[in-house]
């Protein structure tokens, strides 16, 4: 069985996936794990076999970790792929650098997921995957706040089929199938 390609997003109610300056501070220093029930995060992480992350998202995560060690709050342990044209400095042996064709990058990362889902993180990588019709599902954690600015969840027009909605802690989890 082959896993799905899933775009995974936190989003404010007004449609921002990051605040101004790419901030991932979801209000008062709160992180995703402060909004979503731990069991729900663990279930999504357990279904994930690999991640494909964009460079800007990677750099934001590194900045968050440097400013607040332990702030990366997602319980995932598996192959990490970074889609970039620039190598990491210093290199990270736990990360595989991919560049070039988005279809090849998704194929490589999905193969490494070992039959589990491939999670896509990063606004630009997600947009590319959606434009090339490589996404099976979109999972959105809607957080109860209005950011008023930042990076929007942007894509070309894509018709979606609602699969589920559920309350999880203070967040609402929405799952859609890409038609």
C-alpha atoms as a PDB file:
ATOM      1  CA  UNK A   1       0.000   0.000   0.000  1.00  0.00           C
ATOM      2  CA  UNK A   2       1.272   3.438  -0.914  1.00  0.00           C
ATOM      3  CA  UNK A   3       0.891   6.387   1.436  1.00  0.00           C
ATOM      4  CA  UNK A   4      -0.708   9.669   0.534  1.00  0.00           C
ATOM      5  CA  UNK A   5       0.892  13.030  -0.158  1.00  0.00           C
ATOM      6  CA  UNK A   6      -0.535  15.320   2.524  1.00  0.00           C
ATOM      7  CA  UNK A   7      -0.123  19.078   2.782  1.00  0.00           C
ATOM      8  CA  UNK A   8      -0.146  19.779   6.522  1.00  0.00           C
ATOM      9  CA  UNK A   9      -0.921  23.322   7.705  1.00  0.00           C
ATOM     10  CA  UNK A  10      -1.569  25.338  10.832  1.00  0.00           C
ATOM     11  CA  UNK A  11      -3.721  28.303   9.956  1.00  0.00           C
ATOM     12  CA  UNK A  12      -5.271  31.250  11.727  1.00  0.00           C
ATOM     13  CA  UNK A  13      -8.975  31.785  11.185  1.00  0.00           C
ATOM     14  CA  UNK A  14      -8.155  34.629   8.773  1.00  0.00           C
ATOM     15  CA  UNK A  15      -6.140  32.271   6.526  1.00  0.00           C
ATOM     16  CA  UNK A  16      -2.522  32.904   7.516  1.00  0.00           C
ATOM     17  CA  UNK A  17      -0.125  29.961   7.843  1.00  0.00           C
ATOM     18  CA  UNK A  18       2.586  32.185   9.360  1.00  0.00           C
ATOM     19  CA  UNK A  19       2.555  35.632  10.859  1.00  0.00           C
ATOM     20  CA  UNK A  20       4.574  38.670   9.791  1.00  0.00           C
ATOM     21  CA  UNK A  21       8.261  37.865   9.361  1.00  0.00           C
ATOM     22  CA  UNK A  22       7.390  34.158   8.984  1.00  0.00           C
ATOM     23  CA  UNK A  23       6.564  34.016  12.690  1.00  0.00           C
ATOM     24  CA  UNK A  24       5.167  30.685  13.865  1.00  0.00           C
ATOM     25  CA  UNK A  25       4.214  32.124  17.250  1.00  0.00           C
ATOM     26  CA  UNK A  26       0.549  31.297  17.433  1.00  0.00           C
ATOM     27  CA  UNK A  27      -0.326  33.855  20.098  1.00  0.00           C
ATOM     28  CA  UNK A  28       1.331  34.561  23.412  1.00  0.00           C
ATOM     29  CA  UNK A  29       4.248  32.245  22.661  1.00  0.00           C
ATOM     30  CA  UNK A  30       1.925  29.303  22.062  1.00  0.00           C
ATOM     31  CA  UNK A  31       2.952  26.529  19.695  1.00  0.00           C
ATOM     32  CA  UNK A  32       0.810  24.055  17.765  1.00  0.00           C
ATOM     33  CA  UNK A  33       1.031  21.524  20.612  1.00  0.00           C
ATOM     34  CA  UNK A  34      -0.536  24.104  22.930  1.00  0.00           C
ATOM     35  CA  UNK A  35      -3.685  24.133  20.766  1.00  0.00           C
ATOM     36  CA  UNK A  36      -4.070  20.559  19.473  1.00  0.00           C
ATOM     37  CA  UNK A  37      -4.627  17.482  21.622  1.00  0.00           C
ATOM     38  CA  UNK A  38      -1.416  15.454  21.998  1.00  0.00           C
ATOM     39  CA  UNK A  39      -3.153  12.244  20.873  1.00  0.00           C
ATOM     40  CA  UNK A  40      -4.244  13.865  17.607  1.00  0.00           C
ATOM     41  CA  UNK A  41      -0.740  15.172  16.862  1.00  0.00           C
ATOM     42  CA  UNK A  42       0.691  11.740  17.672  1.00  0.00           C
ATOM     43  CA  UNK A  43      -1.807  10.031  15.336  1.00  0.00           C
ATOM     44  CA  UNK A  44      -0.888  12.288  12.404  1.00  0.00           C
ATOM     45  CA  UNK A  45       2.828  11.843  13.133  1.00  0.00           C
ATOM     46  CA  UNK A  46       2.406   8.039  13.326  1.00  0.00           C
ATOM     47  CA  UNK A  47       0.766   8.031   9.871  1.00  0.00           C
ATOM     48  CA  UNK A  48       3.660  10.065   8.451  1.00  0.00           C
ATOM     49  CA  UNK A  49       6.595   8.165   7.006  1.00  0.00           C
ATOM     50  CA  UNK A  50       8.623  11.089   5.641  1.00  0.00           C
ATOM     51  CA  UNK A  51       8.567  14.869   5.322  1.00  0.00           C
ATOM     52  CA  UNK A  52       9.387  17.123   2.393  1.00  0.00           C
ATOM     53  CA  UNK A  53      10.125  20.627   3.660  1.00  0.00           C
ATOM     54  CA  UNK A  54      10.811  23.892   1.872  1.00  0.00           C
ATOM     55  CA  UNK A  55      13.902  25.953   2.632  1.00  0.00           C
ATOM     56  CA  UNK A  56      12.139  28.947   4.177  1.00  0.00           C
ATOM     57  CA  UNK A  57      10.104  26.693   6.481  1.00  0.00           C
ATOM     58  CA  UNK A  58      13.302  24.849   7.421  1.00  0.00           C
ATOM     59  CA  UNK A  59      15.023  28.124   8.288  1.00  0.00           C
ATOM     60  CA  UNK A  60      12.058  29.295  10.387  1.00  0.00           C
ATOM     61  CA  UNK A  61      12.180  25.998  12.305  1.00  0.00           C
ATOM     62  CA  UNK A  62      15.915  26.397  12.889  1.00  0.00           C
ATOM     63  CA  UNK A  63      15.391  29.955  14.109  1.00  0.00           C
ATOM     64  CA  UNK A  64      12.621  28.828  16.479  1.00  0.00           C
ATOM     65  CA  UNK A  65      14.807  26.047  17.867  1.00  0.00           C
ATOM     66  CA  UNK A  66      17.739  28.439  18.387  1.00  0.00           C
ATOM     67  CA  UNK A  67      15.552  31.009  20.161  1.00  0.00           C
ATOM     68  CA  UNK A  68      13.637  28.451  22.240  1.00  0.00           C
ATOM     69  CA  UNK A  69      15.274  24.989  22.428  1.00  0.00           C
ATOM     70  CA  UNK A  70      12.664  22.257  22.338  1.00  0.00           C
ATOM     71  CA  UNK A  71      10.122  24.476  20.559  1.00  0.00           C
ATOM     72  CA  UNK A  72       9.788  22.052  17.652  1.00  0.00           C
ATOM     73  CA  UNK A  73       6.710  20.378  18.992  1.00  0.00           C
ATOM     74  CA  UNK A  74       5.796  17.792  16.372  1.00  0.00           C
ATOM     75  CA  UNK A  75       6.411  14.183  17.458  1.00  0.00           C
ATOM     76  CA  UNK A  76       7.789  12.942  14.118  1.00  0.00           C
ATOM     77  CA  UNK A  77      10.850  10.760  13.663  1.00  0.00           C
ATOM     78  CA  UNK A  78      11.561   9.655  10.106  1.00  0.00           C
ATOM     79  CA  UNK A  79      13.316  10.640   6.893  1.00  0.00           C
ATOM     80  CA  UNK A  80      13.520  14.385   6.337  1.00  0.00           C
ATOM     81  CA  UNK A  81      13.929  15.832   2.856  1.00  0.00           C
ATOM     82  CA  UNK A  82      14.757  19.477   2.244  1.00  0.00           C
ATOM     83  CA  UNK A  83      13.857  20.915  -1.148  1.00  0.00           C
ATOM     84  CA  UNK A  84      16.436  23.619  -1.833  1.00  0.00           C
ATOM     85  CA  UNK A  85      19.075  24.825  -4.270  1.00  0.00           C
ATOM     86  CA  UNK A  86      21.482  25.662  -1.438  1.00  0.00           C
ATOM     87  CA  UNK A  87      23.183  23.063   0.771  1.00  0.00           C
ATOM     88  CA  UNK A  88      22.858  23.370   4.528  1.00  0.00           C
ATOM     89  CA  UNK A  89      25.766  25.026   6.294  1.00  0.00           C
ATOM     90  CA  UNK A  90      26.734  23.143   8.326  1.00  0.00           C
ATOM     91  CA  UNK A  91      25.429  19.960   6.676  1.00  0.00           C
ATOM     92  CA  UNK A  92      22.921  17.882   8.637  1.00  0.00           C
ATOM     93  CA  UNK A  93      23.462  14.126   8.126  1.00  0.00           C
ATOM     94  CA  UNK A  94      19.836  13.464   9.135  1.00  0.00           C
ATOM     95  CA  UNK A  95      18.521  15.508   6.180  1.00  0.00           C
ATOM     96  CA  UNK A  96      18.528  14.575   2.509  1.00  0.00           C
ATOM     97  CA  UNK A  97      18.826  17.576   0.194  1.00  0.00           C
ATOM     98  CA  UNK A  98      16.703  17.449  -2.954  1.00  0.00           C
ATOM     99  CA  UNK A  99      16.593  20.031  -5.715  1.00  0.00           C
ATOM    100  CA  UNK A 100      15.129  20.422  -9.159  1.00  0.00           C
ATOM    101  CA  UNK A 101      11.973  18.752 -10.395  1.00  0.00           C
ATOM    102  CA  UNK A 102       9.129  18.770  -7.840  1.00  0.00           C
ATOM    103  CA  UNK A 103       7.646  15.542  -9.201  1.00  0.00           C
ATOM    104  CA  UNK A 104      10.946  13.704  -8.736  1.00  0.00           C
ATOM    105  CA  UNK A 105      11.395  15.166  -5.242  1.00  0.00           C
ATOM    106  CA  UNK A 106       7.913  14.033  -4.179  1.00  0.00           C
ATOM    107  CA  UNK A 107       8.502  10.584  -5.686  1.00  0.00           C
ATOM    108  CA  UNK A 108      11.801  10.181  -3.841  1.00  0.00           C
ATOM    109  CA  UNK A 109      10.348  11.281  -0.496  1.00  0.00           C
ATOM    110  CA  UNK A 110       7.166   9.208  -0.934  1.00  0.00           C
ATOM    111  CA  UNK A 111       9.253   6.099  -1.642  1.00  0.00           C
ATOM    112  CA  UNK A 112      11.207   6.756   1.559  1.00  0.00           C
ATOM    113  CA  UNK A 113       7.934   7.013   3.519  1.00  0.00           C
ATOM    114  CA  UNK A 114       7.661   3.224   3.314  1.00  0.00           C
ATOM    115  CA  UNK A 115       3.934   3.040   2.573  1.00  0.00           C
ATOM    116  CA  UNK A 116       3.048   5.776   5.060  1.00  0.00           C
ATOM    117  CA  UNK A 117       2.092   9.361   4.230  1.00  0.00           C
ATOM    118  CA  UNK A 118       4.476  11.989   2.912  1.00  0.00           C
ATOM    119  CA  UNK A 119       3.905  15.260   4.721  1.00  0.00           C
ATOM    120  CA  UNK A 120       4.536  18.466   2.782  1.00  0.00           C
ATOM    121  CA  UNK A 121       5.613  21.516   4.803  1.00  0.00           C
ATOM    122  CA  UNK A 122       6.296  24.933   3.350  1.00  0.00           C
ATOM    123  CA  UNK A 123       4.137  27.396   1.461  1.00  0.00           C
ATOM    124  CA  UNK A 124       6.109  27.306  -1.790  1.00  0.00           C
ATOM    125  CA  UNK A 125       6.607  23.521  -1.822  1.00  0.00           C
ATOM    126  CA  UNK A 126       2.895  22.998  -1.129  1.00  0.00           C
ATOM    127  CA  UNK A 127       1.946  25.414  -3.920  1.00  0.00           C
ATOM    128  CA  UNK A 128       4.233  23.595  -6.371  1.00  0.00           C
ATOM    129  CA  UNK A 129       2.819  20.223  -5.357  1.00  0.00           C
ATOM    130  CA  UNK A 130      -0.756  21.484  -5.746  1.00  0.00           C
ATOM    131  CA  UNK A 131       0.012  23.059  -9.145  1.00  0.00           C
ATOM    132  CA  UNK A 132       1.415  19.728 -10.363  1.00  0.00           C
ATOM    133  CA  UNK A 133      -1.554  17.779  -8.927  1.00  0.00           C
ATOM    134  CA  UNK A 134       0.728  15.736  -6.631  1.00  0.00           C
ATOM    135  CA  UNK A 135      -1.332  16.197  -3.429  1.00  0.00           C
ATOM    136  CA  UNK A 136      -3.860  13.642  -2.218  1.00  0.00           C
ATOM    137  CA  UNK A 137      -5.070  15.409   0.930  1.00  0.00           C
ATOM    138  CA  UNK A 138      -4.851  18.691   2.802  1.00  0.00           C
ATOM    139  CA  UNK A 139      -4.863  18.644   6.595  1.00  0.00           C
ATOM    140  CA  UNK A 140      -5.450  22.003   8.289  1.00  0.00           C
ATOM    141  CA  UNK A 141      -5.286  22.830  11.986  1.00  0.00           C
ATOM    142  CA  UNK A 142      -7.435  25.965  12.286  1.00  0.00           C
ATOM    143  CA  UNK A 143      -6.296  27.868  15.354  1.00  0.00           C
ATOM    144  CA  UNK A 144      -8.621  30.219  17.248  1.00  0.00           C
ATOM    145  CA  UNK A 145      -6.902  33.499  16.472  1.00  0.00           C
ATOM    146  CA  UNK A 146      -6.737  36.219  13.844  1.00  0.00           C
ATOM    147  CA  UNK A 147      -3.198  37.159  12.807  1.00  0.00           C
ATOM    148  CA  UNK A 148      -4.125  40.074  10.550  1.00  0.00           C
ATOM    149  CA  UNK A 149      -1.088  39.578   8.311  1.00  0.00           C
ATOM    150  CA  UNK A 150       1.666  37.222   7.260  1.00  0.00           C
ATOM    151  CA  UNK A 151       1.846  34.366   4.785  1.00  0.00           C
ATOM    152  CA  UNK A 152      -1.476  33.177   3.380  1.00  0.00           C
ATOM    153  CA  UNK A 153      -2.393  29.618   2.510  1.00  0.00           C
ATOM    154  CA  UNK A 154      -2.214  30.235  -1.241  1.00  0.00           C
ATOM    155  CA  UNK A 155      -2.617  27.860  -4.134  1.00  0.00           C
ATOM    156  CA  UNK A 156      -4.130  27.681  -7.560  1.00  0.00           C
ATOM    157  CA  UNK A 157      -7.845  26.890  -7.606  1.00  0.00           C
ATOM    158  CA  UNK A 158      -8.272  23.305  -6.434  1.00  0.00           C
ATOM    159  CA  UNK A 159     -11.587  21.586  -5.801  1.00  0.00           C
ATOM    160  CA  UNK A 160     -11.656  19.685  -2.533  1.00  0.00           C
ATOM    161  CA  UNK A 161     -13.845  17.008  -1.007  1.00  0.00           C
ATOM    162  CA  UNK A 162     -14.394  17.426   2.737  1.00  0.00           C
ATOM    163  CA  UNK A 163     -13.351  14.248   4.561  1.00  0.00           C
ATOM    164  CA  UNK A 164     -13.600  15.229   8.216  1.00  0.00           C
ATOM    165  CA  UNK A 165     -13.715  17.993  10.769  1.00  0.00           C
ATOM    166  CA  UNK A 166     -13.066  17.560  14.448  1.00  0.00           C
ATOM    167  CA  UNK A 167     -12.384  19.619  17.524  1.00  0.00           C
ATOM    168  CA  UNK A 168      -8.969  18.874  19.014  1.00  0.00           C
ATOM    169  CA  UNK A 169      -8.081  20.825  22.104  1.00  0.00           C
ATOM    170  CA  UNK A 170      -8.578  24.479  21.171  1.00  0.00           C
ATOM    171  CA  UNK A 171      -8.148  23.853  17.429  1.00  0.00           C
ATOM    172  CA  UNK A 172     -10.352  22.484  14.679  1.00  0.00           C
ATOM    173  CA  UNK A 173      -8.814  19.872  12.398  1.00  0.00           C
ATOM    174  CA  UNK A 174     -10.091  19.888   8.813  1.00  0.00           C
ATOM    175  CA  UNK A 175      -9.169  17.195   6.310  1.00  0.00           C
ATOM    176  CA  UNK A 176      -9.894  17.415   2.586  1.00  0.00           C
ATOM    177  CA  UNK A 177      -9.252  15.139  -0.378  1.00  0.00           C
ATOM    178  CA  UNK A 178      -7.936  16.859  -3.478  1.00  0.00           C
ATOM    179  CA  UNK A 179     -10.287  16.100  -6.379  1.00  0.00           C
END
